[in-house]
C-alpha atoms as a PDB file:
ATOM      1  CA  MET A   1       0.068  -0.046  -0.093  1.00  0.00           C
ATOM      2  CA  THR A   2       1.382   3.367  -0.623  1.00  0.00           C
ATOM      3  CA  VAL A   3       0.099   5.959   1.740  1.00  0.00           C
ATOM      4  CA  VAL A   4       0.504   9.990   1.898  1.00  0.00           C
ATOM      5  CA  GLN A   5       2.349  10.982  -1.454  1.00  0.00           C
ATOM      6  CA  THR A   6       1.566  14.977  -1.406  1.00  0.00           C
ATOM      7  CA  ILE A   7      -1.263  17.239  -0.577  1.00  0.00           C
ATOM      8  CA  ASP A   8      -2.314  20.488  -2.291  1.00  0.00           C
ATOM      9  CA  ARG A   9      -2.069  22.748   0.462  1.00  0.00           C
ATOM     10  CA  ARG A  10      -3.140  25.884  -1.465  1.00  0.00           C
ATOM     11  CA  GLN A  11      -6.750  24.411  -2.216  1.00  0.00           C
ATOM     12  CA  ALA A  12      -6.679  21.609   0.890  1.00  0.00           C
ATOM     13  CA  GLN A  13      -9.656  20.034  -1.355  1.00  0.00           C
ATOM     14  CA  ARG A  14      -8.096  17.039  -3.241  1.00  0.00           C
ATOM     15  CA  TYR A  15      -5.861  14.945  -1.107  1.00  0.00           C
ATOM     16  CA  LYS A  16      -3.101  12.511  -3.393  1.00  0.00           C
ATOM     17  CA  ALA A  17      -2.968   9.067  -1.472  1.00  0.00           C
ATOM     18  CA  GLY A  18      -2.825   5.445  -2.567  1.00  0.00           C
ATOM     19  CA  PHE A  19      -4.474   3.286  -0.666  1.00  0.00           C
ATOM     20  CA  ASP A  20      -6.249  -0.571  -1.482  1.00  0.00           C
ATOM     21  CA  ILE A  21      -9.727  -1.140  -2.331  1.00  0.00           C
ATOM     22  CA  ARG A  22     -11.736  -3.570  -4.123  1.00  0.00           C
ATOM     23  CA  PHE A  23     -14.486  -2.491  -6.757  1.00  0.00           C
ATOM     24  CA  SER A  24     -16.725  -3.841  -9.404  1.00  0.00           C
ATOM     25  CA  ILE A  25     -18.617  -2.110 -11.882  1.00  0.00           C
ATOM     26  CA  ASN A  26     -22.324  -2.619 -12.558  1.00  0.00           C
ATOM     27  CA  ASP A  27     -22.201  -5.735 -10.586  1.00  0.00           C
ATOM     28  CA  GLY A  28     -19.818  -6.993 -12.626  1.00  0.00           C
ATOM     29  CA  ALA A  29     -16.470  -9.321 -11.103  1.00  0.00           C
ATOM     30  CA  GLU A  30     -14.546  -7.677  -8.036  1.00  0.00           C
ATOM     31  CA  ILE A  31     -11.353  -6.208  -9.193  1.00  0.00           C
ATOM     32  CA  VAL A  32      -8.495  -5.055  -6.879  1.00  0.00           C
ATOM     33  CA  SER A  33      -7.107  -1.438  -7.444  1.00  0.00           C
ATOM     34  CA  ASN A  34      -5.777   1.737  -5.402  1.00  0.00           C
ATOM     35  CA  THR A  35      -7.243   5.168  -5.611  1.00  0.00           C
ATOM     36  CA  LEU A  36      -5.131   7.852  -6.677  1.00  0.00           C
ATOM     37  CA  ASN A  37      -6.871  10.954  -5.099  1.00  0.00           C
ATOM     38  CA  PHE A  38     -10.052  11.611  -2.979  1.00  0.00           C
ATOM     39  CA  THR A  39     -11.767  14.957  -1.591  1.00  0.00           C
ATOM     40  CA  SER A  40     -14.632  14.278   1.064  1.00  0.00           C
ATOM     41  CA  ARG A  41     -17.409  13.390  -1.124  1.00  0.00           C
ATOM     42  CA  SER A  42     -15.495  11.259  -4.321  1.00  0.00           C
ATOM     43  CA  ILE A  43     -12.011   9.373  -5.165  1.00  0.00           C
ATOM     44  CA  ALA A  44     -10.481   8.939  -8.034  1.00  0.00           C
ATOM     45  CA  ILE A  45      -9.453   5.130  -8.955  1.00  0.00           C
ATOM     46  CA  ARG A  46      -6.527   3.716 -10.347  1.00  0.00           C
ATOM     47  CA  SER A  47      -7.618   1.797 -13.141  1.00  0.00           C
ATOM     48  CA  ASP A  48      -7.037   0.483 -16.769  1.00  0.00           C
ATOM     49  CA  VAL A  49     -10.815  -1.109 -16.896  1.00  0.00           C
ATOM     50  CA  LEU A  50     -12.905  -0.004 -19.524  1.00  0.00           C
ATOM     51  CA  ALA A  51     -15.431   2.280 -17.995  1.00  0.00           C
ATOM     52  CA  GLN A  52     -18.074   4.830 -18.878  1.00  0.00           C
ATOM     53  CA  LYS A  53     -19.638   7.857 -17.314  1.00  0.00           C
ATOM     54  CA  GLY A  54     -22.731   6.826 -15.742  1.00  0.00           C
ATOM     55  CA  ASP A  55     -21.491   3.594 -14.524  1.00  0.00           C
ATOM     56  CA  ARG A  56     -22.719   2.015 -10.878  1.00  0.00           C
ATOM     57  CA  ILE A  57     -19.700   0.888  -8.990  1.00  0.00           C
ATOM     58  CA  ALA A  58     -19.569  -0.722  -5.513  1.00  0.00           C
ATOM     59  CA  ILE A  59     -15.800  -0.110  -3.411  1.00  0.00           C
ATOM     60  CA  SER A  60     -14.849  -1.782  -0.672  1.00  0.00           C
ATOM     61  CA  PHE A  61     -12.455  -0.536   1.700  1.00  0.00           C
ATOM     62  CA  ALA A  62     -11.691   0.686   5.280  1.00  0.00           C
ATOM     63  CA  GLY A  63     -13.288  -2.510   6.796  1.00  0.00           C
ATOM     64  CA  LEU A  64     -16.512  -1.325   5.681  1.00  0.00           C
ATOM     65  CA  PRO A  65     -19.888  -3.002   3.625  1.00  0.00           C
ATOM     66  CA  ALA A  66     -19.170  -2.098  -0.119  1.00  0.00           C
ATOM     67  CA  ILE A  67     -19.845   2.294  -1.043  1.00  0.00           C
ATOM     68  CA  GLU A  68     -21.606   3.383  -3.495  1.00  0.00           C
ATOM     69  CA  GLY A  69     -21.821   5.765  -6.324  1.00  0.00           C
ATOM     70  CA  GLU A  70     -21.405   6.922  -9.953  1.00  0.00           C
ATOM     71  CA  ILE A  71     -17.961   7.443 -12.631  1.00  0.00           C
ATOM     72  CA  VAL A  72     -18.744  11.247 -13.708  1.00  0.00           C
ATOM     73  CA  ARG A  73     -15.406  10.908 -15.430  1.00  0.00           C
ATOM     74  CA  VAL A  74     -13.017   8.847 -17.416  1.00  0.00           C
ATOM     75  CA  PHE A  75      -9.392   9.587 -17.874  1.00  0.00           C
ATOM     76  CA  PRO A  76      -6.241   7.564 -19.160  1.00  0.00           C
ATOM     77  CA  GLU A  77      -5.243   6.445 -15.391  1.00  0.00           C
ATOM     78  CA  GLY A  78      -8.622   5.840 -14.602  1.00  0.00           C
ATOM     79  CA  PHE A  79     -11.926   7.517 -13.335  1.00  0.00           C
ATOM     80  CA  ALA A  80     -13.203   9.150 -11.140  1.00  0.00           C
ATOM     81  CA  VAL A  81     -16.533   8.476  -8.662  1.00  0.00           C
ATOM     82  CA  VAL A  82     -18.591  10.566  -6.600  1.00  0.00           C
ATOM     83  CA  LEU A  83     -20.493   8.512  -3.856  1.00  0.00           C
ATOM     84  CA  ASN A  84     -24.096   8.914  -2.842  1.00  0.00           C
ATOM     85  CA  GLU A  85     -25.424  10.419   0.412  1.00  0.00           C
ATOM     86  CA  GLY A  86     -25.659   6.691   1.880  1.00  0.00           C
ATOM     87  CA  SER A  87     -22.463   5.916   1.519  1.00  0.00           C
ATOM     88  CA  LEU A  88     -20.920   9.369   2.584  1.00  0.00           C
ATOM     89  CA  ALA A  89     -22.881   8.583   5.992  1.00  0.00           C
ATOM     90  CA  LEU A  90     -21.329   5.463   6.091  1.00  0.00           C
ATOM     91  CA  MET A  91     -18.212   6.522   5.391  1.00  0.00           C
ATOM     92  CA  ALA A  92     -18.245   8.433   8.617  1.00  0.00           C
ATOM     93  CA  HIS A  93     -19.123   4.924  10.538  1.00  0.00           C
ATOM     94  CA  THR A  94     -16.230   3.203  13.008  1.00  0.00           C
ATOM     95  CA  ASP A  95     -16.637  -0.378  14.141  1.00  0.00           C
ATOM     96  CA  PRO A  96     -15.864   0.249  18.269  1.00  0.00           C
ATOM     97  CA  GLY A  97     -14.222  -2.890  18.047  1.00  0.00           C
ATOM     98  CA  ASN A  98     -10.421  -3.459  18.389  1.00  0.00           C
ATOM     99  CA  GLY A  99      -8.289  -3.426  15.732  1.00  0.00           C
ATOM    100  CA  HIS A 100      -7.089  -7.151  15.661  1.00  0.00           C
ATOM    101  CA  SER A 101     -10.653  -8.278  15.816  1.00  0.00           C
ATOM    102  CA  ALA A 102     -11.549  -6.142  12.803  1.00  0.00           C
ATOM    103  CA  PHE A 103      -8.985  -7.826  10.885  1.00  0.00           C
ATOM    104  CA  HIS A 104      -9.658 -11.177  11.623  1.00  0.00           C
ATOM    105  CA  ALA A 105     -13.452 -10.626  11.394  1.00  0.00           C
ATOM    106  CA  ALA A 106     -12.279  -9.650   7.613  1.00  0.00           C
ATOM    107  CA  GLY A 107     -11.018 -13.161   6.745  1.00  0.00           C
ATOM    108  CA  VAL A 108      -7.164 -11.836   7.925  1.00  0.00           C
ATOM    109  CA  SER A 109      -4.598 -13.816   8.629  1.00  0.00           C
ATOM    110  CA  GLY A 110      -1.006 -13.115   9.223  1.00  0.00           C
ATOM    111  CA  PRO A 111       0.355 -10.593  11.835  1.00  0.00           C
ATOM    112  CA  VAL A 112      -0.892  -7.423  12.361  1.00  0.00           C
ATOM    113  CA  GLU A 113       1.864  -4.889  13.167  1.00  0.00           C
ATOM    114  CA  THR A 114       1.327  -1.344  15.044  1.00  0.00           C
ATOM    115  CA  GLN A 115       3.215   1.867  14.735  1.00  0.00           C
ATOM    116  CA  ASN A 116       2.421   4.973  17.087  1.00  0.00           C
ATOM    117  CA  SER A 117       3.239   8.564  15.748  1.00  0.00           C
ATOM    118  CA  PRO A 118       5.125  10.781  17.886  1.00  0.00           C
ATOM    119  CA  PHE A 119       3.081  13.253  20.658  1.00  0.00           C
ATOM    120  CA  ILE A 120       1.186  15.734  18.741  1.00  0.00           C
ATOM    121  CA  ARG A 121       0.185  19.383  19.305  1.00  0.00           C
ATOM    122  CA  THR A 122      -3.458  20.480  19.209  1.00  0.00           C
ATOM    123  CA  HIS A 123      -4.849  23.756  19.325  1.00  0.00           C
ATOM    124  CA  SER A 124      -7.572  23.553  22.321  1.00  0.00           C
ATOM    125  CA  SER A 125      -9.369  25.172  25.034  1.00  0.00           C
ATOM    126  CA  VAL A 126      -8.563  22.361  27.458  1.00  0.00           C
ATOM    127  CA  PRO A 127      -4.285  21.740  27.714  1.00  0.00           C
ATOM    128  CA  ALA A 128      -3.966  18.146  25.534  1.00  0.00           C
ATOM    129  CA  ARG A 129      -1.969  16.243  23.373  1.00  0.00           C
ATOM    130  CA  ALA A 130      -2.793  13.978  20.895  1.00  0.00           C
ATOM    131  CA  LEU A 131      -1.025  10.313  19.799  1.00  0.00           C
ATOM    132  CA  ILE A 132      -2.108   8.159  16.572  1.00  0.00           C
ATOM    133  CA  SER A 133      -1.606   4.352  16.935  1.00  0.00           C
ATOM    134  CA  SER A 134      -2.087   2.108  13.605  1.00  0.00           C
ATOM    135  CA  GLY A 135      -2.395  -1.400  12.703  1.00  0.00           C
ATOM    136  CA  VAL A 136      -1.122  -2.805   8.862  1.00  0.00           C
ATOM    137  CA  GLY A 137      -2.528  -6.352   8.297  1.00  0.00           C
ATOM    138  CA  TYR A 138      -2.122  -8.347   5.376  1.00  0.00           C
ATOM    139  CA  GLN A 139      -6.033  -7.562   3.673  1.00  0.00           C
ATOM    140  CA  PRO A 140      -6.094  -4.627   1.322  1.00  0.00           C
ATOM    141  CA  GLY A 141      -8.300  -1.943   3.127  1.00  0.00           C
ATOM    142  CA  TYR A 142      -8.055  -2.729   6.463  1.00  0.00           C
ATOM    143  CA  ASN A 143      -5.578  -0.955   8.536  1.00  0.00           C
ATOM    144  CA  ARG A 144      -6.949   0.310  11.554  1.00  0.00           C
ATOM    145  CA  HIS A 145      -6.106   3.675  13.617  1.00  0.00           C
ATOM    146  CA  PHE A 146      -6.652   4.460  17.556  1.00  0.00           C
ATOM    147  CA  LEU A 147      -6.675   8.329  18.395  1.00  0.00           C
ATOM    148  CA  SER A 148      -5.457   8.717  21.802  1.00  0.00           C
ATOM    149  CA  ILE A 149      -6.512  12.411  23.174  1.00  0.00           C
ATOM    150  CA  VAL A 150      -3.912  13.073  26.626  1.00  0.00           C
ATOM    151  CA  THR A 151      -4.875  15.946  28.670  1.00  0.00           C
ATOM    152  CA  ALA A 152      -3.192  17.353  32.165  1.00  0.00           C
ATOM    153  CA  ASP A 153      -6.554  17.940  33.379  1.00  0.00           C
ATOM    154  CA  PRO A 154      -8.199  14.677  34.283  1.00  0.00           C
ATOM    155  CA  ALA A 155     -11.705  16.213  34.860  1.00  0.00           C
ATOM    156  CA  ALA A 156     -12.244  16.902  31.295  1.00  0.00           C
ATOM    157  CA  LEU A 157     -12.653  13.740  30.391  1.00  0.00           C
ATOM    158  CA  GLU A 158     -15.281  12.937  33.165  1.00  0.00           C
ATOM    159  CA  ASN A 159     -19.132  11.853  32.793  1.00  0.00           C
ATOM    160  CA  ILE A 160     -17.945  12.480  28.520  1.00  0.00           C
ATOM    161  CA  LYS A 161     -21.634  12.318  26.474  1.00  0.00           C
ATOM    162  CA  THR A 162     -20.745  12.807  23.025  1.00  0.00           C
ATOM    163  CA  ILE A 163     -17.675  13.118  20.585  1.00  0.00           C
ATOM    164  CA  TRP A 164     -17.698  14.480  17.648  1.00  0.00           C
ATOM    165  CA  ILE A 165     -14.993  14.420  15.101  1.00  0.00           C
ATOM    166  CA  ASN A 166     -14.847  16.995  12.039  1.00  0.00           C
ATOM    167  CA  ALA A 167     -12.722  17.092   9.028  1.00  0.00           C
ATOM    168  CA  ASP A 168     -13.899  18.965   6.181  1.00  0.00           C
ATOM    169  CA  GLY A 169     -17.603  19.708   7.368  1.00  0.00           C
ATOM    170  CA  VAL A 170     -17.823  15.914   6.958  1.00  0.00           C
ATOM    171  CA  LYS A 171     -18.757  15.661  10.900  1.00  0.00           C
ATOM    172  CA  TRP A 172     -18.749  12.007  13.202  1.00  0.00           C
ATOM    173  CA  THR A 173     -19.415  10.817  16.263  1.00  0.00           C
ATOM    174  CA  ALA A 174     -16.243   9.193  17.537  1.00  0.00           C
ATOM    175  CA  LYS A 175     -16.528   5.288  19.003  1.00  0.00           C
ATOM    176  CA  THR A 176     -14.859   5.818  22.183  1.00  0.00           C
ATOM    177  CA  LEU A 177     -12.763   2.794  23.481  1.00  0.00           C
ATOM    178  CA  LYS A 178     -11.975   3.759  26.525  1.00  0.00           C
ATOM    179  CA  PHE A 179     -11.543   6.790  29.248  1.00  0.00           C
ATOM    180  CA  GLU A 180      -9.159   6.286  31.685  1.00  0.00           C
ATOM    181  CA  GLN A 181      -6.460   8.615  34.386  1.00  0.00           C
ATOM    182  CA  ARG A 182      -3.314   7.860  34.396  1.00  0.00           C
ATOM    183  CA  ASN A 183      -0.617   9.767  36.757  1.00  0.00           C
ATOM    184  CA  ASN A 184      -2.531  12.464  36.758  1.00  0.00           C
ATOM    185  CA  ARG A 185      -3.619  12.625  33.278  1.00  0.00           C
ATOM    186  CA  GLY A 186      -7.369  11.823  31.434  1.00  0.00           C
ATOM    187  CA  ILE A 187      -6.713   9.687  28.520  1.00  0.00           C
ATOM    188  CA  ALA A 188      -9.593   9.239  25.794  1.00  0.00           C
ATOM    189  CA  VAL A 189      -8.788   6.851  23.090  1.00  0.00           C
ATOM    190  CA  LEU A 190     -11.275   6.553  19.779  1.00  0.00           C
ATOM    191  CA  SER A 191     -11.263   4.757  16.797  1.00  0.00           C
ATOM    192  CA  LEU A 192     -10.603   5.869  12.942  1.00  0.00           C
ATOM    193  CA  ASN A 193     -11.122   3.517  10.107  1.00  0.00           C
ATOM    194  CA  ASP A 194      -9.326   4.032   6.881  1.00  0.00           C
ATOM    195  CA  TRP A 195     -11.125   6.883   5.426  1.00  0.00           C
ATOM    196  CA  GLN A 196     -11.381   9.250   8.479  1.00  0.00           C
ATOM    197  CA  ALA A 197      -7.686   8.959   9.401  1.00  0.00           C
ATOM    198  CA  TYR A 198      -6.962  10.048   5.653  1.00  0.00           C
ATOM    199  CA  MET A 199      -9.945  12.945   5.763  1.00  0.00           C
ATOM    200  CA  GLY A 200      -7.776  13.875   8.639  1.00  0.00           C
ATOM    201  CA  ALA A 201      -4.319  13.891   6.976  1.00  0.00           C
ATOM    202  CA  ALA A 202      -5.893  16.224   4.134  1.00  0.00           C
ATOM    203  CA  TYR A 203      -7.653  18.655   5.701  1.00  0.00           C
ATOM    204  CA  GLY A 204      -6.721  18.374   9.917  1.00  0.00           C
ATOM    205  CA  LEU A 205      -9.769  16.958  12.302  1.00  0.00           C
ATOM    206  CA  LYS A 206     -11.786  19.376  14.644  1.00  0.00           C
ATOM    207  CA  ILE A 207     -12.815  17.734  18.007  1.00  0.00           C
ATOM    208  CA  ALA A 208     -15.829  18.626  20.560  1.00  0.00           C
ATOM    209  CA  ILE A 209     -16.036  16.993  23.498  1.00  0.00           C
ATOM    210  CA  MET A 210     -19.620  17.354  25.277  1.00  0.00           C
ATOM    211  CA  SER A 211     -20.083  16.092  28.859  1.00  0.00           C
ATOM    212  CA  GLU A 212     -23.294  14.955  30.590  1.00  0.00           C
ATOM    213  CA  ALA A 213     -24.054  18.268  31.858  1.00  0.00           C
ATOM    214  CA  GLY A 214     -23.856  19.881  28.396  1.00  0.00           C
ATOM    215  CA  ALA A 215     -20.456  21.642  28.566  1.00  0.00           C
ATOM    216  CA  GLU A 216     -18.224  21.594  25.338  1.00  0.00           C
ATOM    217  CA  TRP A 217     -14.026  21.683  24.829  1.00  0.00           C
ATOM    218  CA  THR A 218     -12.689  21.392  21.538  1.00  0.00           C
ATOM    219  CA  LEU A 219      -9.542  20.699  20.165  1.00  0.00           C
ATOM    220  CA  ASP A 220      -7.962  20.522  16.598  1.00  0.00           C
ATOM    221  CA  ILE A 221      -4.812  18.970  15.063  1.00  0.00           C
ATOM    222  CA  ASP A 222      -3.328  19.853  11.833  1.00  0.00           C
ATOM    223  CA  ALA A 223      -3.406  17.670   9.232  1.00  0.00           C
ATOM    224  CA  GLU A 224       0.433  17.347   8.817  1.00  0.00           C
ATOM    225  CA  PRO A 225       1.380  15.649  11.881  1.00  0.00           C
ATOM    226  CA  ILE A 226      -1.138  13.340  10.981  1.00  0.00           C
ATOM    227  CA  ALA A 227      -0.307  12.759   7.010  1.00  0.00           C
ATOM    228  CA  ASP A 228       3.248  11.962   8.395  1.00  0.00           C
ATOM    229  CA  HIS A 229       1.995   9.089  10.613  1.00  0.00           C
ATOM    230  CA  LEU A 230       0.693   7.480   7.499  1.00  0.00           C
ATOM    231  CA  ASP A 231       3.146   8.217   5.506  1.00  0.00           C
ATOM    232  CA  SER A 232       5.139   6.002   8.037  1.00  0.00           C
ATOM    233  CA  LEU A 233       3.069   3.123   7.336  1.00  0.00           C
ATOM    234  CA  SER A 234       4.312   2.387   3.826  1.00  0.00           C
ATOM    235  CA  PRO A 235       7.704   0.340   5.491  1.00  0.00           C
ATOM    236  CA  MET A 236       5.397  -1.441   7.357  1.00  0.00           C
ATOM    237  CA  GLN A 237       3.140  -2.639   4.806  1.00  0.00           C
ATOM    238  CA  MET A 238       6.544  -3.372   2.588  1.00  0.00           C
ATOM    239  CA  ALA A 239       7.971  -5.291   5.350  1.00  0.00           C
ATOM    240  CA  LEU A 240       4.401  -7.617   6.109  1.00  0.00           C
ATOM    241  CA  SER A 241       4.051  -8.479   1.903  1.00  0.00           C
ATOM    242  CA  ALA A 242       7.463  -9.413   2.208  1.00  0.00           C
END
């Protein structure tokens, strides 16, 4: 899997990244390929398959059920797909299970390697840092990512009702794996799928944390450290495939 390639910093609209997918056109045979780039609502796929504008396509990746869309443009390297509203909603879904079960439930065999990012500074109304951990397995499209939020104010993560994550206007409810207090620190661990991680690497993540009492605090994570972390996964994938 080739991960982060380049990000167009001027427009921050189209994110160039190659991650593994499987797709079928008009209910035909399934084909393994990878992406060229994506936005928050569309994907460009690398392929030499003869496709036409208006063809229906089903795409699988990130441990999700097939997402659906329509081919809107064909070019020499492949074609571009606009996703329907139902699939956009599905893309924002995260399975709350742990990383290993997510891989193996999908039929993955073999080891699952993990890699952590350095601590990431955040722009936050509460002193906080972030850390991203990723697991890479054999099966294309089944990488899993975990975002840990660490704050020096443990009370900030008590009695949490909801955590919202926003990337380029696409908003989803985070699946929280655990809250804990350790060494006078509060820690929240959130689960991300591939799509959400790549969205963060393209546009950054805006996170809002709301308590049962209605109090809310926010933190922003810049795109660059997330992109750097995803880029670091390439050697892991190559080693697993050897």
